[in-house]
Every structure is written in C-alpha cells, then in structure tokens.
Amino acid sequence: MTRFANIFADKFKVDKQKMMEKLWGDNYFDSEKKTWTTSEISETGKVLKRNFVQFIMEPIIKLARSIIEGNVEQMEKMMIAVKV
C-alpha cells in the first residue's frame, strides 16, 4: 500500500500519509471538481468509485489483462508508471 501512496502522493502533490488515508474506506475522488470527498455521488449526480478501486484495483486488473493478452506496449507503459 505504501508504494501506491508514494506514487499518487507525487502525482497529486499531497503528503504520503494523507494519501494512504484517502486510499482506504469511504473516500472518493471527484474528477470533475478535482477534490476528495466522502460522498459517493458528485454534485452533478455522477456515481463515484471508491479511491481503492479507482487507484489500486482497476490499474492492477488493467495490468494483469495486458499481460494475459500479450499487450506488451501497454504493459511496459504501466510498469514504467509504477517504477517497476
């Protein structure tokens, strides 16, 4: 978990400890407003994904699929992004 927190803390320019707290529980990122929230519905009515799902699970699933499907270009791009 610390590795993901480091990656996203750098990306969002926030403290690593704060990012670790945001990745767990009922926390959401509203990409329209570019803000963190504890509401699963944005002001425009859009259903938001939990931060853990959006920032950790979906990228892991995407990486696994690119490996299984032999999509080397996408896999390499993602590996570079996570500094592996």
Protein backbone atom coordinates (compact mmCIF):
# COMPACT_ATOMS: atom_id res chain seq x y z
CA MET A 1 0.00 0.00 0.00
CA THR A 2 2.86 2.35 0.74
CA ARG A 3 4.11 2.07 -2.83
CA PHE A 4 0.76 3.18 -4.24
CA ALA A 5 0.57 6.01 -1.71
CA ASN A 6 4.02 7.19 -2.82
CA ILE A 7 3.05 7.12 -6.48
CA PHE A 8 -0.19 9.03 -6.01
CA ALA A 9 1.20 11.42 -3.39
CA ASP A 10 3.73 12.56 -6.00
CA LYS A 11 1.08 12.75 -8.71
CA PHE A 12 -1.45 14.73 -6.63
CA LYS A 13 1.19 16.72 -4.71
CA VAL A 14 -0.10 15.65 -1.29
CA ASP A 15 1.51 14.20 1.81
CA LYS A 16 2.12 10.43 1.64
CA GLN A 17 0.37 9.79 4.96
CA LYS A 18 -2.69 11.76 3.83
CA MET A 19 -2.72 9.79 0.56
CA MET A 20 -2.61 6.50 2.47
CA GLU A 21 -5.68 7.58 4.44
CA LYS A 22 -7.50 8.59 1.26
CA LEU A 23 -6.94 5.20 -0.38
CA TRP A 24 -8.93 3.30 2.27
CA GLY A 25 -12.53 3.39 3.42
CA ASP A 26 -15.37 5.52 2.12
CA ASN A 27 -13.23 8.04 0.27
CA TYR A 28 -13.83 9.15 -3.30
CA PHE A 29 -12.12 11.41 -5.82
CA ASP A 30 -14.39 13.69 -7.82
CA SER A 31 -12.52 14.13 -11.10
CA GLU A 32 -14.94 16.83 -12.26
CA LYS A 33 -14.11 19.08 -9.29
CA LYS A 34 -10.63 17.63 -8.68
CA THR A 35 -11.43 17.17 -4.98
CA TRP A 36 -11.52 14.39 -2.39
CA THR A 37 -14.90 13.62 -0.88
CA THR A 38 -16.65 11.13 1.36
CA SER A 39 -19.81 11.28 -0.75
CA GLU A 40 -20.26 8.58 -3.36
CA ILE A 41 -22.31 10.93 -5.54
CA SER A 42 -20.81 14.01 -7.20
CA GLU A 43 -22.63 17.34 -7.27
CA THR A 44 -23.66 16.56 -10.85
CA GLY A 45 -25.15 13.21 -9.79
CA LYS A 46 -22.35 11.02 -11.09
CA VAL A 47 -21.67 7.86 -9.04
CA LEU A 48 -18.05 7.93 -7.87
CA LYS A 49 -15.78 4.92 -7.33
CA ARG A 50 -14.02 4.34 -4.03
CA ASN A 51 -10.41 5.51 -4.19
CA PHE A 52 -9.12 1.99 -3.55
CA VAL A 53 -11.00 0.70 -6.58
CA GLN A 54 -10.13 3.63 -8.84
CA PHE A 55 -6.47 3.99 -7.96
CA ILE A 56 -5.37 0.48 -6.94
CA MET A 57 -7.68 -2.33 -8.07
CA GLU A 58 -8.52 -1.09 -11.57
CA PRO A 59 -4.86 -0.43 -12.51
CA ILE A 60 -3.84 -3.88 -11.19
CA ILE A 61 -6.62 -5.53 -13.21
CA LYS A 62 -5.66 -3.50 -16.29
CA LEU A 63 -2.01 -4.54 -15.92
CA ALA A 64 -2.94 -8.20 -15.44
CA ARG A 65 -5.15 -8.12 -18.55
CA SER A 66 -2.42 -6.51 -20.63
CA ILE A 67 -0.01 -9.28 -19.55
CA ILE A 68 -2.52 -12.07 -20.25
CA GLU A 69 -3.44 -10.58 -23.64
CA GLY A 70 0.20 -10.03 -24.57
CA ASN A 71 -0.22 -6.26 -24.89
CA VAL A 72 3.47 -5.52 -24.31
CA GLU A 73 3.20 -1.82 -25.17
CA GLN A 74 0.51 -1.16 -22.54
CA MET A 75 2.24 -3.39 -20.00
CA GLU A 76 5.57 -1.58 -20.39
CA LYS A 77 3.90 1.81 -20.14
CA MET A 78 2.18 0.82 -16.89
CA MET A 79 5.35 -0.74 -15.45
CA ILE A 80 7.25 2.48 -16.11
CA ALA A 81 4.46 4.49 -14.49
CA VAL A 82 4.72 2.47 -11.28
CA LYS A 83 8.53 2.44 -11.48
CA VAL A 84 8.90 -1.33 -11.80
